[in-house]
N, C-alpha and C. Protein backbone atom coordinates (compact mmCIF):
# COMPACT_ATOMS: atom_id res chain seq x y z
N MET A 1 -4.01 48.19 -13.31
CA MET A 1 -3.07 49.22 -13.77
C MET A 1 -2.84 49.07 -15.27
N SER A 2 -2.36 50.15 -15.85
CA SER A 2 -2.08 50.16 -17.29
C SER A 2 -0.90 49.25 -17.59
N SER A 3 -0.84 48.80 -18.85
CA SER A 3 0.28 47.96 -19.26
C SER A 3 1.48 48.79 -19.68
N LEU A 4 1.35 50.12 -19.65
CA LEU A 4 2.47 50.98 -20.01
C LEU A 4 3.62 50.79 -19.04
N SER A 5 4.81 50.93 -19.53
CA SER A 5 5.99 50.79 -18.68
C SER A 5 6.33 52.12 -18.04
N VAL A 6 6.60 52.08 -16.75
CA VAL A 6 7.01 53.28 -16.02
C VAL A 6 8.31 53.82 -16.58
N ALA A 7 9.15 52.95 -17.14
CA ALA A 7 10.44 53.38 -17.68
C ALA A 7 10.29 54.12 -19.00
N ASP A 8 9.13 54.06 -19.64
CA ASP A 8 8.91 54.74 -20.91
C ASP A 8 8.95 56.24 -20.69
N ARG A 9 9.87 56.91 -21.34
CA ARG A 9 10.04 58.36 -21.15
C ARG A 9 8.87 59.16 -21.71
N HIS A 10 8.05 58.58 -22.55
CA HIS A 10 6.93 59.32 -23.13
C HIS A 10 5.63 59.09 -22.37
N VAL A 11 5.74 58.59 -21.17
CA VAL A 11 4.59 58.34 -20.31
C VAL A 11 4.56 59.42 -19.24
N VAL A 12 3.37 59.95 -18.97
CA VAL A 12 3.17 60.85 -17.83
C VAL A 12 2.32 60.11 -16.82
N LEU A 13 2.18 60.64 -15.62
CA LEU A 13 1.46 59.93 -14.57
C LEU A 13 0.03 59.57 -14.99
N ALA A 14 -0.65 60.46 -15.71
CA ALA A 14 -2.03 60.20 -16.11
C ALA A 14 -2.15 58.98 -17.03
N ASP A 15 -1.10 58.66 -17.76
CA ASP A 15 -1.14 57.51 -18.66
C ASP A 15 -1.24 56.19 -17.91
N LEU A 16 -0.94 56.19 -16.63
CA LEU A 16 -0.99 54.97 -15.84
C LEU A 16 -2.40 54.66 -15.34
N VAL A 17 -3.33 55.61 -15.52
CA VAL A 17 -4.73 55.40 -15.12
C VAL A 17 -5.43 54.64 -16.25
N PRO A 18 -6.12 53.53 -15.93
CA PRO A 18 -6.76 52.76 -16.99
C PRO A 18 -7.92 53.52 -17.64
N GLY A 19 -8.28 53.10 -18.86
CA GLY A 19 -9.35 53.74 -19.61
C GLY A 19 -8.77 54.70 -20.61
N ALA A 20 -9.60 55.34 -21.40
CA ALA A 20 -9.08 56.27 -22.39
C ALA A 20 -9.93 57.54 -22.41
N LEU A 21 -11.01 57.54 -23.14
CA LEU A 21 -11.79 58.76 -23.32
C LEU A 21 -12.39 59.25 -22.00
N VAL A 22 -13.02 58.35 -21.25
CA VAL A 22 -13.62 58.74 -19.97
C VAL A 22 -12.54 59.20 -19.01
N ARG A 23 -11.44 58.45 -18.97
CA ARG A 23 -10.32 58.84 -18.11
C ARG A 23 -9.83 60.23 -18.46
N ASP A 24 -9.62 60.47 -19.75
CA ASP A 24 -9.10 61.77 -20.17
C ASP A 24 -10.06 62.90 -19.83
N ALA A 25 -11.36 62.67 -20.04
CA ALA A 25 -12.35 63.71 -19.72
C ALA A 25 -12.35 64.02 -18.22
N ILE A 26 -12.29 62.98 -17.41
CA ILE A 26 -12.27 63.18 -15.95
C ILE A 26 -11.00 63.89 -15.53
N LEU A 27 -9.86 63.49 -16.09
CA LEU A 27 -8.59 64.12 -15.73
C LEU A 27 -8.54 65.59 -16.16
N VAL A 28 -9.03 65.89 -17.36
CA VAL A 28 -9.04 67.28 -17.85
C VAL A 28 -9.93 68.13 -16.95
N ALA A 29 -11.14 67.64 -16.65
CA ALA A 29 -12.05 68.40 -15.79
C ALA A 29 -11.49 68.51 -14.37
N GLY A 30 -10.90 67.42 -13.88
CA GLY A 30 -10.31 67.45 -12.54
C GLY A 30 -9.15 68.41 -12.43
N GLY A 31 -8.31 68.49 -13.47
CA GLY A 31 -7.20 69.43 -13.47
C GLY A 31 -7.68 70.87 -13.45
N ALA A 32 -8.74 71.14 -14.22
CA ALA A 32 -9.31 72.49 -14.22
C ALA A 32 -9.89 72.82 -12.84
N ALA A 33 -10.60 71.86 -12.24
CA ALA A 33 -11.19 72.08 -10.92
C ALA A 33 -10.11 72.28 -9.85
N LEU A 34 -9.04 71.50 -9.92
CA LEU A 34 -7.93 71.67 -8.98
C LEU A 34 -7.33 73.06 -9.09
N THR A 35 -7.16 73.53 -10.32
CA THR A 35 -6.61 74.87 -10.53
C THR A 35 -7.55 75.93 -9.99
N GLY A 36 -8.86 75.73 -10.21
CA GLY A 36 -9.85 76.66 -9.67
C GLY A 36 -9.85 76.69 -8.15
N ALA A 37 -9.70 75.53 -7.53
CA ALA A 37 -9.63 75.48 -6.07
C ALA A 37 -8.35 76.15 -5.57
N ALA A 38 -7.24 75.89 -6.25
CA ALA A 38 -5.96 76.48 -5.84
C ALA A 38 -5.96 78.00 -6.01
N ALA A 39 -6.77 78.51 -6.94
CA ALA A 39 -6.85 79.96 -7.15
C ALA A 39 -7.43 80.67 -5.94
N GLN A 40 -8.16 79.92 -5.10
CA GLN A 40 -8.77 80.55 -3.93
C GLN A 40 -7.77 80.70 -2.79
N ILE A 41 -6.61 80.07 -2.91
CA ILE A 41 -5.52 80.28 -1.96
C ILE A 41 -4.79 81.52 -2.44
N MET A 42 -4.98 82.62 -1.76
CA MET A 42 -4.55 83.90 -2.31
C MET A 42 -3.94 84.79 -1.22
N LEU A 43 -2.82 85.39 -1.56
CA LEU A 43 -2.18 86.39 -0.69
C LEU A 43 -1.99 87.67 -1.49
N PRO A 44 -2.51 88.79 -1.00
CA PRO A 44 -2.27 90.05 -1.72
C PRO A 44 -0.78 90.40 -1.69
N VAL A 45 -0.31 91.00 -2.76
CA VAL A 45 1.07 91.46 -2.85
C VAL A 45 1.06 92.97 -2.76
N PRO A 46 1.63 93.54 -1.70
CA PRO A 46 1.60 95.00 -1.54
C PRO A 46 2.17 95.72 -2.76
N GLY A 47 1.39 96.67 -3.27
CA GLY A 47 1.82 97.47 -4.41
C GLY A 47 1.55 96.87 -5.76
N SER A 48 1.15 95.59 -5.82
CA SER A 48 0.91 94.93 -7.10
C SER A 48 -0.58 94.62 -7.24
N PRO A 49 -1.13 94.82 -8.44
CA PRO A 49 -2.52 94.43 -8.66
C PRO A 49 -2.70 92.92 -8.85
N VAL A 50 -1.60 92.19 -8.87
CA VAL A 50 -1.64 90.74 -9.07
C VAL A 50 -1.34 90.06 -7.74
N PRO A 51 -2.28 89.26 -7.21
CA PRO A 51 -2.02 88.56 -5.95
C PRO A 51 -1.22 87.28 -6.19
N MET A 52 -0.65 86.75 -5.13
CA MET A 52 0.00 85.45 -5.18
C MET A 52 -1.08 84.40 -4.90
N THR A 53 -1.20 83.42 -5.78
CA THR A 53 -2.21 82.38 -5.60
C THR A 53 -1.57 81.01 -5.78
N GLY A 54 -2.35 79.99 -5.49
CA GLY A 54 -1.89 78.62 -5.71
C GLY A 54 -2.15 78.12 -7.12
N GLN A 55 -2.82 78.94 -7.94
CA GLN A 55 -3.21 78.45 -9.26
C GLN A 55 -2.04 78.21 -10.20
N THR A 56 -0.98 79.00 -10.10
CA THR A 56 0.18 78.78 -10.96
C THR A 56 0.80 77.41 -10.68
N PHE A 57 0.96 77.11 -9.40
CA PHE A 57 1.49 75.80 -9.02
C PHE A 57 0.60 74.68 -9.54
N ALA A 58 -0.72 74.84 -9.36
CA ALA A 58 -1.66 73.81 -9.81
C ALA A 58 -1.61 73.65 -11.32
N ALA A 59 -1.55 74.77 -12.05
CA ALA A 59 -1.53 74.70 -13.51
C ALA A 59 -0.31 73.94 -14.01
N LEU A 60 0.84 74.20 -13.41
CA LEU A 60 2.07 73.52 -13.83
C LEU A 60 2.06 72.05 -13.41
N LEU A 61 1.54 71.79 -12.23
CA LEU A 61 1.45 70.41 -11.75
C LEU A 61 0.50 69.60 -12.63
N VAL A 62 -0.62 70.19 -12.99
CA VAL A 62 -1.59 69.54 -13.87
C VAL A 62 -0.94 69.24 -15.23
N GLY A 63 -0.24 70.21 -15.78
CA GLY A 63 0.44 69.99 -17.06
C GLY A 63 1.42 68.83 -16.99
N ALA A 64 2.22 68.80 -15.92
CA ALA A 64 3.22 67.74 -15.78
C ALA A 64 2.58 66.38 -15.57
N ALA A 65 1.52 66.32 -14.79
CA ALA A 65 0.90 65.04 -14.49
C ALA A 65 0.05 64.52 -15.65
N LEU A 66 -0.56 65.42 -16.43
CA LEU A 66 -1.48 64.98 -17.48
C LEU A 66 -0.85 64.88 -18.86
N GLY A 67 0.30 65.50 -19.07
CA GLY A 67 0.89 65.51 -20.40
C GLY A 67 0.42 66.71 -21.19
N TRP A 68 1.04 66.95 -22.34
CA TRP A 68 0.81 68.21 -23.02
C TRP A 68 -0.60 68.39 -23.56
N LYS A 69 -1.21 67.36 -24.13
CA LYS A 69 -2.56 67.53 -24.67
C LYS A 69 -3.59 67.72 -23.57
N ARG A 70 -3.59 66.79 -22.61
CA ARG A 70 -4.57 66.89 -21.53
C ARG A 70 -4.29 68.11 -20.65
N GLY A 71 -3.01 68.41 -20.44
CA GLY A 71 -2.67 69.59 -19.64
C GLY A 71 -3.15 70.88 -20.28
N ALA A 72 -2.90 71.02 -21.58
CA ALA A 72 -3.37 72.22 -22.29
C ALA A 72 -4.89 72.27 -22.33
N LEU A 73 -5.55 71.13 -22.57
CA LEU A 73 -7.01 71.10 -22.57
C LEU A 73 -7.59 71.45 -21.21
N SER A 74 -6.97 70.95 -20.17
CA SER A 74 -7.43 71.25 -18.81
C SER A 74 -7.34 72.74 -18.52
N MET A 75 -6.23 73.36 -18.90
CA MET A 75 -6.07 74.80 -18.66
C MET A 75 -6.97 75.62 -19.60
N ALA A 76 -7.20 75.12 -20.81
CA ALA A 76 -8.13 75.80 -21.72
C ALA A 76 -9.55 75.73 -21.16
N LEU A 77 -9.91 74.60 -20.57
CA LEU A 77 -11.22 74.47 -19.92
C LEU A 77 -11.32 75.43 -18.74
N TYR A 78 -10.29 75.47 -17.92
CA TYR A 78 -10.26 76.42 -16.79
C TYR A 78 -10.47 77.85 -17.28
N LEU A 79 -9.73 78.22 -18.31
CA LEU A 79 -9.82 79.56 -18.89
C LEU A 79 -11.22 79.83 -19.45
N ALA A 80 -11.73 78.90 -20.25
CA ALA A 80 -13.02 79.11 -20.92
C ALA A 80 -14.18 79.20 -19.94
N VAL A 81 -14.19 78.31 -18.95
CA VAL A 81 -15.29 78.31 -17.98
C VAL A 81 -15.24 79.58 -17.13
N GLY A 82 -14.05 79.98 -16.72
CA GLY A 82 -13.91 81.22 -15.96
C GLY A 82 -14.25 82.45 -16.78
N ALA A 83 -13.83 82.46 -18.04
CA ALA A 83 -14.14 83.59 -18.93
C ALA A 83 -15.63 83.69 -19.18
N ALA A 84 -16.32 82.54 -19.18
CA ALA A 84 -17.77 82.52 -19.42
C ALA A 84 -18.58 82.96 -18.20
N GLY A 85 -17.92 83.14 -17.05
CA GLY A 85 -18.63 83.68 -15.89
C GLY A 85 -18.63 82.84 -14.64
N PHE A 86 -18.07 81.63 -14.70
CA PHE A 86 -18.00 80.81 -13.48
C PHE A 86 -16.87 81.34 -12.60
N GLY A 87 -17.17 81.65 -11.36
CA GLY A 87 -16.22 82.31 -10.47
C GLY A 87 -15.20 81.39 -9.83
N TRP A 88 -14.27 80.89 -10.63
CA TRP A 88 -13.21 80.06 -10.03
C TRP A 88 -11.82 80.59 -10.30
N PHE A 89 -11.73 81.83 -10.78
CA PHE A 89 -10.44 82.51 -10.80
C PHE A 89 -10.17 83.02 -9.39
N GLN A 90 -9.08 83.72 -9.20
CA GLN A 90 -8.69 84.19 -7.87
C GLN A 90 -9.83 84.91 -7.16
N ASP A 91 -9.99 84.58 -5.90
CA ASP A 91 -10.97 85.22 -5.04
C ASP A 91 -12.39 85.08 -5.58
N GLY A 92 -12.67 83.98 -6.29
CA GLY A 92 -14.00 83.74 -6.82
C GLY A 92 -14.41 84.62 -7.99
N SER A 93 -13.43 85.22 -8.65
CA SER A 93 -13.74 86.11 -9.77
C SER A 93 -13.89 85.31 -11.07
N SER A 94 -14.37 85.99 -12.10
CA SER A 94 -14.52 85.38 -13.42
C SER A 94 -14.30 86.47 -14.46
N GLY A 95 -14.27 86.07 -15.72
CA GLY A 95 -14.09 87.02 -16.81
C GLY A 95 -12.61 87.22 -17.14
N LEU A 96 -12.35 87.52 -18.39
CA LEU A 96 -10.97 87.72 -18.84
C LEU A 96 -10.66 89.20 -18.93
N PHE A 97 -10.53 89.81 -17.80
CA PHE A 97 -10.19 91.23 -17.75
C PHE A 97 -9.32 91.45 -16.52
N GLY A 98 -8.70 92.59 -16.46
CA GLY A 98 -7.88 92.91 -15.30
C GLY A 98 -6.44 92.49 -15.45
N ALA A 99 -5.68 92.85 -14.44
CA ALA A 99 -4.22 92.69 -14.47
C ALA A 99 -3.78 91.23 -14.49
N SER A 100 -4.56 90.33 -13.91
CA SER A 100 -4.14 88.92 -13.78
C SER A 100 -4.52 88.04 -14.95
N ALA A 101 -5.38 88.51 -15.84
CA ALA A 101 -5.94 87.64 -16.88
C ALA A 101 -4.87 87.06 -17.80
N GLY A 102 -3.82 87.81 -18.08
CA GLY A 102 -2.77 87.29 -18.97
C GLY A 102 -2.04 86.10 -18.38
N TYR A 103 -1.91 86.07 -17.07
CA TYR A 103 -1.27 84.92 -16.43
C TYR A 103 -2.13 83.67 -16.65
N ILE A 104 -3.45 83.84 -16.56
CA ILE A 104 -4.36 82.72 -16.76
C ILE A 104 -4.28 82.21 -18.20
N VAL A 105 -4.20 83.12 -19.16
CA VAL A 105 -4.01 82.72 -20.56
C VAL A 105 -2.69 81.95 -20.69
N GLY A 106 -1.68 82.40 -19.99
CA GLY A 106 -0.38 81.73 -20.01
C GLY A 106 -0.41 80.31 -19.50
N PHE A 107 -1.38 79.99 -18.62
CA PHE A 107 -1.48 78.63 -18.10
C PHE A 107 -1.68 77.61 -19.22
N VAL A 108 -2.43 77.97 -20.25
CA VAL A 108 -2.71 77.03 -21.34
C VAL A 108 -1.40 76.63 -22.02
N PHE A 109 -0.58 77.62 -22.33
CA PHE A 109 0.69 77.36 -23.01
C PHE A 109 1.70 76.71 -22.08
N ALA A 110 1.71 77.13 -20.82
CA ALA A 110 2.62 76.52 -19.85
C ALA A 110 2.23 75.07 -19.59
N GLY A 111 0.92 74.80 -19.49
CA GLY A 111 0.47 73.42 -19.30
C GLY A 111 0.93 72.51 -20.43
N ALA A 112 0.85 73.04 -21.66
CA ALA A 112 1.31 72.26 -22.82
C ALA A 112 2.82 72.04 -22.77
N LEU A 113 3.58 73.08 -22.48
CA LEU A 113 5.04 72.94 -22.45
C LEU A 113 5.49 72.00 -21.34
N VAL A 114 4.98 72.23 -20.14
CA VAL A 114 5.38 71.39 -19.00
C VAL A 114 4.97 69.94 -19.25
N GLY A 115 3.78 69.74 -19.83
CA GLY A 115 3.33 68.39 -20.15
C GLY A 115 4.22 67.71 -21.18
N ALA A 116 4.64 68.49 -22.19
CA ALA A 116 5.53 67.93 -23.22
C ALA A 116 6.88 67.55 -22.62
N LEU A 117 7.39 68.40 -21.75
CA LEU A 117 8.67 68.09 -21.10
C LEU A 117 8.55 66.90 -20.16
N ALA A 118 7.44 66.81 -19.44
CA ALA A 118 7.22 65.66 -18.55
C ALA A 118 7.15 64.38 -19.37
N GLY A 119 6.54 64.45 -20.55
CA GLY A 119 6.46 63.28 -21.41
C GLY A 119 7.81 62.84 -21.93
N ARG A 120 8.80 63.70 -21.81
CA ARG A 120 10.18 63.35 -22.21
C ARG A 120 11.07 63.13 -20.99
N GLY A 121 10.45 62.88 -19.86
CA GLY A 121 11.21 62.58 -18.65
C GLY A 121 11.52 63.78 -17.79
N GLY A 122 10.93 64.93 -18.08
CA GLY A 122 11.21 66.15 -17.32
C GLY A 122 10.63 66.18 -15.92
N ASP A 123 9.93 65.13 -15.53
CA ASP A 123 9.35 65.06 -14.18
C ASP A 123 9.90 63.88 -13.38
N ARG A 124 10.96 63.24 -13.89
CA ARG A 124 11.44 62.01 -13.26
C ARG A 124 12.48 62.23 -12.17
N THR A 125 13.22 63.33 -12.23
CA THR A 125 14.22 63.62 -11.19
C THR A 125 13.97 65.03 -10.65
N PRO A 126 14.41 65.30 -9.43
CA PRO A 126 14.20 66.64 -8.88
C PRO A 126 14.81 67.75 -9.74
N LEU A 127 16.00 67.54 -10.27
CA LEU A 127 16.64 68.58 -11.07
C LEU A 127 15.87 68.83 -12.37
N ARG A 128 15.47 67.77 -13.04
CA ARG A 128 14.68 67.93 -14.27
C ARG A 128 13.34 68.60 -13.99
N MET A 129 12.70 68.19 -12.89
CA MET A 129 11.40 68.78 -12.55
C MET A 129 11.55 70.26 -12.25
N ALA A 130 12.61 70.63 -11.55
CA ALA A 130 12.85 72.04 -11.26
C ALA A 130 13.01 72.83 -12.56
N GLY A 131 13.79 72.30 -13.50
CA GLY A 131 13.97 72.96 -14.79
C GLY A 131 12.67 73.07 -15.56
N THR A 132 11.87 72.01 -15.52
CA THR A 132 10.57 72.01 -16.19
C THR A 132 9.67 73.10 -15.62
N MET A 133 9.64 73.21 -14.29
CA MET A 133 8.81 74.22 -13.64
C MET A 133 9.30 75.64 -13.94
N VAL A 134 10.62 75.83 -13.97
CA VAL A 134 11.16 77.15 -14.31
C VAL A 134 10.71 77.57 -15.70
N LEU A 135 10.80 76.66 -16.67
CA LEU A 135 10.37 76.98 -18.03
C LEU A 135 8.87 77.27 -18.09
N GLY A 136 8.08 76.51 -17.35
CA GLY A 136 6.65 76.77 -17.30
C GLY A 136 6.34 78.14 -16.73
N ASN A 137 7.04 78.51 -15.66
CA ASN A 137 6.86 79.84 -15.09
C ASN A 137 7.24 80.94 -16.07
N LEU A 138 8.31 80.73 -16.81
CA LEU A 138 8.73 81.73 -17.80
C LEU A 138 7.67 81.93 -18.87
N VAL A 139 7.02 80.86 -19.29
CA VAL A 139 5.93 80.98 -20.27
C VAL A 139 4.79 81.81 -19.68
N ILE A 140 4.42 81.52 -18.45
CA ILE A 140 3.33 82.27 -17.81
C ILE A 140 3.68 83.75 -17.71
N TYR A 141 4.91 84.05 -17.29
CA TYR A 141 5.34 85.45 -17.20
C TYR A 141 5.40 86.12 -18.58
N SER A 142 5.78 85.36 -19.60
CA SER A 142 5.93 85.96 -20.93
C SER A 142 4.59 86.44 -21.50
N ILE A 143 3.50 85.88 -21.01
CA ILE A 143 2.17 86.34 -21.42
C ILE A 143 1.57 87.25 -20.36
N GLY A 144 1.75 86.90 -19.11
CA GLY A 144 1.15 87.66 -18.02
C GLY A 144 1.68 89.07 -17.87
N VAL A 145 2.99 89.23 -17.99
CA VAL A 145 3.58 90.57 -17.79
C VAL A 145 3.17 91.55 -18.88
N PRO A 146 3.24 91.20 -20.17
CA PRO A 146 2.75 92.15 -21.18
C PRO A 146 1.27 92.50 -21.00
N TRP A 147 0.46 91.52 -20.60
CA TRP A 147 -0.96 91.79 -20.35
C TRP A 147 -1.10 92.77 -19.19
N LEU A 148 -0.35 92.54 -18.12
CA LEU A 148 -0.35 93.44 -16.97
C LEU A 148 0.06 94.85 -17.40
N MET A 149 1.11 94.95 -18.18
CA MET A 149 1.59 96.26 -18.66
C MET A 149 0.51 96.96 -19.48
N ALA A 150 -0.14 96.22 -20.36
CA ALA A 150 -1.18 96.82 -21.21
C ALA A 150 -2.41 97.23 -20.40
N SER A 151 -2.81 96.38 -19.45
CA SER A 151 -4.04 96.66 -18.70
C SER A 151 -3.85 97.79 -17.69
N ALA A 152 -2.64 97.92 -17.15
CA ALA A 152 -2.40 98.94 -16.13
C ALA A 152 -1.60 100.13 -16.64
N GLY A 153 -1.14 100.08 -17.90
CA GLY A 153 -0.35 101.17 -18.45
C GLY A 153 1.05 101.26 -17.86
N TYR A 154 1.62 100.13 -17.49
CA TYR A 154 2.95 100.11 -16.89
C TYR A 154 4.04 100.04 -17.96
N SER A 155 5.20 100.56 -17.59
CA SER A 155 6.40 100.36 -18.41
C SER A 155 6.92 98.95 -18.17
N LEU A 156 7.89 98.52 -18.96
CA LEU A 156 8.48 97.19 -18.78
C LEU A 156 9.09 97.06 -17.39
N SER A 157 9.82 98.07 -16.94
CA SER A 157 10.47 97.97 -15.63
C SER A 157 9.43 97.87 -14.51
N THR A 158 8.35 98.64 -14.62
CA THR A 158 7.30 98.56 -13.60
C THR A 158 6.57 97.22 -13.68
N GLY A 159 6.32 96.75 -14.90
CA GLY A 159 5.68 95.45 -15.07
C GLY A 159 6.48 94.33 -14.44
N LEU A 160 7.79 94.36 -14.64
CA LEU A 160 8.65 93.35 -14.03
C LEU A 160 8.70 93.51 -12.52
N ALA A 161 8.77 94.75 -12.06
CA ALA A 161 8.86 95.01 -10.62
C ALA A 161 7.60 94.58 -9.89
N LEU A 162 6.43 94.72 -10.53
CA LEU A 162 5.18 94.38 -9.86
C LEU A 162 4.59 93.04 -10.28
N GLY A 163 5.00 92.54 -11.44
CA GLY A 163 4.41 91.32 -11.95
C GLY A 163 5.31 90.10 -11.95
N VAL A 164 6.59 90.29 -11.57
CA VAL A 164 7.52 89.15 -11.52
C VAL A 164 8.26 89.11 -10.18
N VAL A 165 8.97 90.18 -9.87
CA VAL A 165 9.87 90.19 -8.71
C VAL A 165 9.20 89.76 -7.40
N PRO A 166 7.98 90.25 -7.07
CA PRO A 166 7.38 89.84 -5.80
C PRO A 166 7.03 88.36 -5.72
N PHE A 167 7.03 87.68 -6.86
CA PHE A 167 6.59 86.29 -6.89
C PHE A 167 7.74 85.29 -6.95
N LEU A 168 8.96 85.77 -7.05
CA LEU A 168 10.09 84.87 -7.26
C LEU A 168 10.33 83.93 -6.09
N ILE A 169 10.21 84.43 -4.87
CA ILE A 169 10.42 83.55 -3.70
C ILE A 169 9.33 82.49 -3.65
N GLY A 170 8.08 82.90 -3.87
CA GLY A 170 6.98 81.93 -3.91
C GLY A 170 7.17 80.90 -5.01
N ASP A 171 7.62 81.37 -6.18
CA ASP A 171 7.88 80.44 -7.29
C ASP A 171 8.96 79.44 -6.91
N ALA A 172 10.00 79.92 -6.23
CA ALA A 172 11.09 79.02 -5.83
C ALA A 172 10.57 77.95 -4.87
N LEU A 173 9.69 78.33 -3.95
CA LEU A 173 9.12 77.36 -3.02
C LEU A 173 8.23 76.34 -3.75
N LYS A 174 7.42 76.83 -4.70
CA LYS A 174 6.56 75.93 -5.47
C LYS A 174 7.40 74.96 -6.31
N ILE A 175 8.48 75.47 -6.87
CA ILE A 175 9.36 74.62 -7.67
C ILE A 175 10.00 73.55 -6.79
N ALA A 176 10.40 73.92 -5.58
CA ALA A 176 11.00 72.94 -4.66
C ALA A 176 9.99 71.85 -4.31
N VAL A 177 8.75 72.23 -4.07
CA VAL A 177 7.71 71.24 -3.74
C VAL A 177 7.48 70.30 -4.93
N ALA A 178 7.36 70.87 -6.13
CA ALA A 178 7.14 70.06 -7.33
C ALA A 178 8.33 69.15 -7.60
N ALA A 179 9.54 69.66 -7.34
CA ALA A 179 10.75 68.87 -7.59
C ALA A 179 10.83 67.67 -6.66
N ALA A 180 10.16 67.75 -5.52
CA ALA A 180 10.09 66.60 -4.62
C ALA A 180 8.86 65.73 -4.93
N LEU A 181 7.74 66.37 -5.24
CA LEU A 181 6.47 65.67 -5.37
C LEU A 181 6.40 64.73 -6.58
N LEU A 182 6.65 65.24 -7.76
CA LEU A 182 6.49 64.39 -8.94
C LEU A 182 7.53 63.28 -9.03
N PRO A 183 8.83 63.59 -8.87
CA PRO A 183 9.79 62.47 -8.89
C PRO A 183 9.51 61.47 -7.76
N GLY A 184 9.06 61.95 -6.60
CA GLY A 184 8.70 61.05 -5.51
C GLY A 184 7.53 60.16 -5.86
N THR A 185 6.56 60.73 -6.57
CA THR A 185 5.40 59.95 -7.02
C THR A 185 5.84 58.88 -8.01
N TRP A 186 6.72 59.25 -8.94
CA TRP A 186 7.24 58.26 -9.90
C TRP A 186 7.97 57.14 -9.16
N ALA A 187 8.73 57.46 -8.13
CA ALA A 187 9.45 56.42 -7.38
C ALA A 187 8.46 55.47 -6.71
N LEU A 188 7.38 56.02 -6.14
CA LEU A 188 6.36 55.17 -5.51
C LEU A 188 5.66 54.29 -6.55
N VAL A 189 5.34 54.88 -7.70
CA VAL A 189 4.67 54.11 -8.76
C VAL A 189 5.57 52.97 -9.23
N SER A 190 6.86 53.27 -9.43
CA SER A 190 7.80 52.23 -9.86
C SER A 190 7.89 51.11 -8.84
N ARG A 191 7.96 51.46 -7.57
CA ARG A 191 8.04 50.46 -6.51
C ARG A 191 6.78 49.61 -6.45
N PHE A 192 5.62 50.27 -6.56
CA PHE A 192 4.34 49.57 -6.51
C PHE A 192 4.22 48.60 -7.68
N ARG A 193 4.60 49.03 -8.85
CA ARG A 193 4.48 48.19 -10.05
C ARG A 193 5.45 47.01 -10.01
N LYS A 194 6.60 47.20 -9.38
CA LYS A 194 7.54 46.08 -9.24
C LYS A 194 7.01 45.05 -8.27
N ASP A 195 6.33 45.54 -7.20
CA ASP A 195 5.81 44.63 -6.18
C ASP A 195 4.54 43.93 -6.64
N ALA A 196 3.83 44.53 -7.61
CA ALA A 196 2.53 43.98 -8.05
C ALA A 196 2.72 42.71 -8.88
């Protein structure tokens, strides 16, 4: 295990993995692959051109676990590889076009923000993790909704009605899972390191 202290507020879970460059490359690629796999978990939303997928949850989780640099790089890799034609966006699609593309662009910025907050202890307690996830979701919406409006010719009210409102319950569930998962992981890591 790494010599970093679990109590250090500037440590994210990925920092506890030994190694440096190889570790970071594997974690960045793994985070992108996880997000691509989660994108295939998809539920259509009636009336909206944007489906509900697992990729938002994965993008935020990757950002929190990897920290701001690796999280942003992982999401930039996900974006770049998908934009270049590899079909790992929702439903095996690729390319940066359509109503959902702005949300994917938002993952890069959300991954950086959530990672930065996690590096300051934003993933250590359920309440902090919930707040971190809410802010990450807001970043994704702040890019995704204008893109949706531009691509579909929607007004702001229609963009919000079709690009935000149908996803709020799902977002709340994802936030609840993350609020249990990451602080729980930190508790296990702390216990393991004390026993080691």
